[in-house]
N, C-alpha and C. Protein backbone atom coordinates (compact mmCIF):
# COMPACT_ATOMS: atom_id res chain seq x y z
N MET A 1 121.72 13.24 183.65
CA MET A 1 121.03 14.21 184.50
C MET A 1 120.33 15.23 183.61
N GLN A 2 119.02 15.35 183.80
CA GLN A 2 118.23 16.25 182.98
C GLN A 2 117.95 17.53 183.76
N THR A 3 118.19 18.66 183.13
CA THR A 3 117.88 19.93 183.80
C THR A 3 116.43 20.29 183.52
N THR A 4 115.77 20.82 184.50
CA THR A 4 114.38 21.23 184.33
C THR A 4 114.27 22.71 184.62
N LEU A 5 113.35 23.33 183.94
CA LEU A 5 113.09 24.74 184.16
C LEU A 5 111.86 24.85 185.06
N LEU A 6 112.01 25.47 186.21
CA LEU A 6 110.93 25.53 187.18
C LEU A 6 109.74 26.34 186.66
N PHE A 7 110.00 27.39 185.92
CA PHE A 7 108.92 28.24 185.46
C PHE A 7 108.10 27.60 184.36
N MET A 8 108.59 26.53 183.77
CA MET A 8 107.87 25.84 182.69
C MET A 8 107.19 24.57 183.18
N GLY A 9 106.98 24.42 184.46
CA GLY A 9 106.27 23.28 184.99
C GLY A 9 107.05 21.98 184.88
N GLY A 10 108.37 22.04 184.97
CA GLY A 10 109.18 20.84 184.94
C GLY A 10 109.52 20.35 183.56
N LEU A 11 109.34 21.15 182.53
CA LEU A 11 109.72 20.74 181.18
C LEU A 11 111.23 20.89 181.00
N GLY A 12 111.82 19.92 180.34
CA GLY A 12 113.24 20.00 180.05
C GLY A 12 113.48 20.77 178.76
N MET A 13 114.75 20.99 178.45
CA MET A 13 115.10 21.75 177.25
C MET A 13 114.65 21.02 175.99
N SER A 14 114.77 19.71 175.95
CA SER A 14 114.38 18.97 174.75
C SER A 14 112.87 19.09 174.50
N GLU A 15 112.06 19.08 175.56
CA GLU A 15 110.61 19.24 175.37
C GLU A 15 110.28 20.64 174.87
N ILE A 16 110.96 21.63 175.40
CA ILE A 16 110.71 23.01 174.96
C ILE A 16 111.09 23.17 173.49
N LEU A 17 112.22 22.60 173.10
CA LEU A 17 112.63 22.68 171.69
C LEU A 17 111.65 21.96 170.79
N LEU A 18 111.13 20.84 171.21
CA LEU A 18 110.15 20.10 170.42
C LEU A 18 108.87 20.91 170.25
N ILE A 19 108.41 21.53 171.33
CA ILE A 19 107.21 22.37 171.26
C ILE A 19 107.45 23.55 170.32
N ALA A 20 108.62 24.19 170.42
CA ALA A 20 108.94 25.32 169.54
C ALA A 20 108.98 24.88 168.08
N LEU A 21 109.51 23.71 167.80
CA LEU A 21 109.56 23.19 166.43
C LEU A 21 108.17 22.93 165.89
N VAL A 22 107.30 22.35 166.70
CA VAL A 22 105.93 22.08 166.27
C VAL A 22 105.19 23.38 165.99
N ILE A 23 105.38 24.37 166.86
CA ILE A 23 104.74 25.67 166.64
C ILE A 23 105.25 26.30 165.35
N LEU A 24 106.56 26.22 165.12
CA LEU A 24 107.13 26.77 163.89
C LEU A 24 106.56 26.08 162.66
N LEU A 25 106.46 24.78 162.70
CA LEU A 25 105.92 24.04 161.56
C LEU A 25 104.43 24.31 161.37
N PHE A 26 103.71 24.45 162.46
CA PHE A 26 102.26 24.65 162.38
C PHE A 26 101.90 26.04 161.86
N PHE A 27 102.54 27.06 162.40
CA PHE A 27 102.19 28.44 162.05
C PHE A 27 103.05 29.03 160.96
N GLY A 28 104.25 28.56 160.77
CA GLY A 28 105.13 29.12 159.76
C GLY A 28 105.93 30.29 160.30
N GLY A 29 107.01 30.60 159.62
CA GLY A 29 107.92 31.64 160.08
C GLY A 29 107.36 33.04 160.02
N LYS A 30 106.45 33.32 159.09
CA LYS A 30 105.94 34.68 158.95
C LYS A 30 104.86 35.00 159.98
N LYS A 31 104.15 34.01 160.43
CA LYS A 31 103.04 34.24 161.34
C LYS A 31 103.48 34.43 162.80
N ILE A 32 104.61 33.85 163.17
CA ILE A 32 105.06 33.89 164.56
C ILE A 32 105.34 35.32 165.04
N PRO A 33 106.05 36.17 164.27
CA PRO A 33 106.25 37.55 164.76
C PRO A 33 104.94 38.31 164.95
N GLU A 34 103.96 38.05 164.09
CA GLU A 34 102.66 38.71 164.25
C GLU A 34 101.99 38.24 165.53
N MET A 35 102.09 36.96 165.83
CA MET A 35 101.50 36.42 167.05
C MET A 35 102.18 37.01 168.29
N MET A 36 103.50 37.13 168.24
CA MET A 36 104.23 37.68 169.39
C MET A 36 103.90 39.15 169.59
N LYS A 37 103.71 39.87 168.49
CA LYS A 37 103.32 41.28 168.58
C LYS A 37 101.95 41.40 169.25
N GLY A 38 101.02 40.55 168.85
CA GLY A 38 99.70 40.55 169.47
C GLY A 38 99.76 40.16 170.93
N LEU A 39 100.60 39.19 171.25
CA LEU A 39 100.77 38.77 172.64
C LEU A 39 101.34 39.91 173.48
N GLY A 40 102.31 40.63 172.92
CA GLY A 40 102.89 41.78 173.62
C GLY A 40 101.87 42.86 173.89
N LYS A 41 101.01 43.13 172.90
CA LYS A 41 99.96 44.13 173.10
C LYS A 41 98.97 43.67 174.17
N GLY A 42 98.67 42.37 174.17
CA GLY A 42 97.75 41.84 175.17
C GLY A 42 98.32 41.95 176.58
N VAL A 43 99.59 41.64 176.73
CA VAL A 43 100.24 41.73 178.04
C VAL A 43 100.30 43.18 178.49
N ARG A 44 100.61 44.08 177.57
CA ARG A 44 100.66 45.51 177.90
C ARG A 44 99.30 46.01 178.35
N SER A 45 98.25 45.58 177.65
CA SER A 45 96.89 45.97 178.01
C SER A 45 96.50 45.40 179.37
N PHE A 46 96.90 44.17 179.63
CA PHE A 46 96.60 43.54 180.91
C PHE A 46 97.28 44.29 182.05
N LYS A 47 98.54 44.66 181.86
CA LYS A 47 99.27 45.40 182.89
C LYS A 47 98.63 46.77 183.13
N ALA A 48 98.19 47.42 182.06
CA ALA A 48 97.54 48.72 182.21
C ALA A 48 96.25 48.57 182.99
N GLY A 49 95.50 47.52 182.72
CA GLY A 49 94.26 47.27 183.46
C GLY A 49 94.53 47.01 184.92
N LEU A 50 95.57 46.24 185.22
CA LEU A 50 95.93 45.98 186.62
C LEU A 50 96.34 47.27 187.33
N ASN A 51 97.12 48.10 186.65
CA ASN A 51 97.55 49.37 187.25
C ASN A 51 96.35 50.27 187.51
N GLU A 52 95.40 50.28 186.57
CA GLU A 52 94.20 51.11 186.75
C GLU A 52 93.38 50.59 187.92
N LEU A 53 93.24 49.27 188.02
CA LEU A 53 92.49 48.67 189.13
C LEU A 53 93.17 48.98 190.45
N GLU A 54 94.49 48.90 190.48
CA GLU A 54 95.23 49.19 191.71
C GLU A 54 95.05 50.64 192.13
N SER A 55 95.09 51.55 191.16
CA SER A 55 94.92 52.97 191.50
C SER A 55 93.49 53.24 191.97
N ASP A 56 92.50 52.54 191.39
CA ASP A 56 91.12 52.70 191.85
C ASP A 56 90.96 52.22 193.29
N VAL A 57 91.57 51.09 193.61
CA VAL A 57 91.48 50.55 194.97
C VAL A 57 92.17 51.49 195.94
N THR A 58 93.32 52.01 195.57
CA THR A 58 94.07 52.93 196.43
C THR A 58 93.26 54.19 196.68
N THR A 59 92.64 54.72 195.63
CA THR A 59 91.82 55.93 195.75
C THR A 59 90.62 55.67 196.65
N SER A 60 90.01 54.51 196.48
CA SER A 60 88.85 54.15 197.30
C SER A 60 89.24 54.02 198.77
N GLU A 61 90.39 53.41 199.04
CA GLU A 61 90.86 53.27 200.43
C GLU A 61 91.18 54.63 201.03
N GLU A 62 91.75 55.53 200.22
CA GLU A 62 92.08 56.86 200.74
C GLU A 62 90.79 57.63 201.07
N LYS A 63 89.76 57.48 200.26
CA LYS A 63 88.49 58.17 200.53
C LYS A 63 87.86 57.64 201.81
N LYS A 64 87.95 56.33 202.04
CA LYS A 64 87.39 55.74 203.26
C LYS A 64 88.18 56.21 204.48
N ALA A 65 89.48 56.39 204.34
CA ALA A 65 90.32 56.82 205.45
C ALA A 65 90.03 58.27 205.81
N ASP A 66 89.62 59.09 204.82
CA ASP A 66 89.35 60.51 205.06
C ASP A 66 88.04 60.72 205.82
N LYS A 67 87.13 59.77 205.77
CA LYS A 67 85.82 59.94 206.42
C LYS A 67 85.88 59.85 207.88
């Protein structure tokens, strides 16, 4: 019986480990933390943009409601 992770599109643990090993071999141990740091900054920036967009929409709706 193989367990699958729903958030990974049905990939099992062995497939995830194989992908992680290939990434480690391809990029090397020193480059991965730098990539994760960049990914974290990108996600943080994306969330900030979404929050700004949400506040703009909310402000716009409030202005329309006041008219």
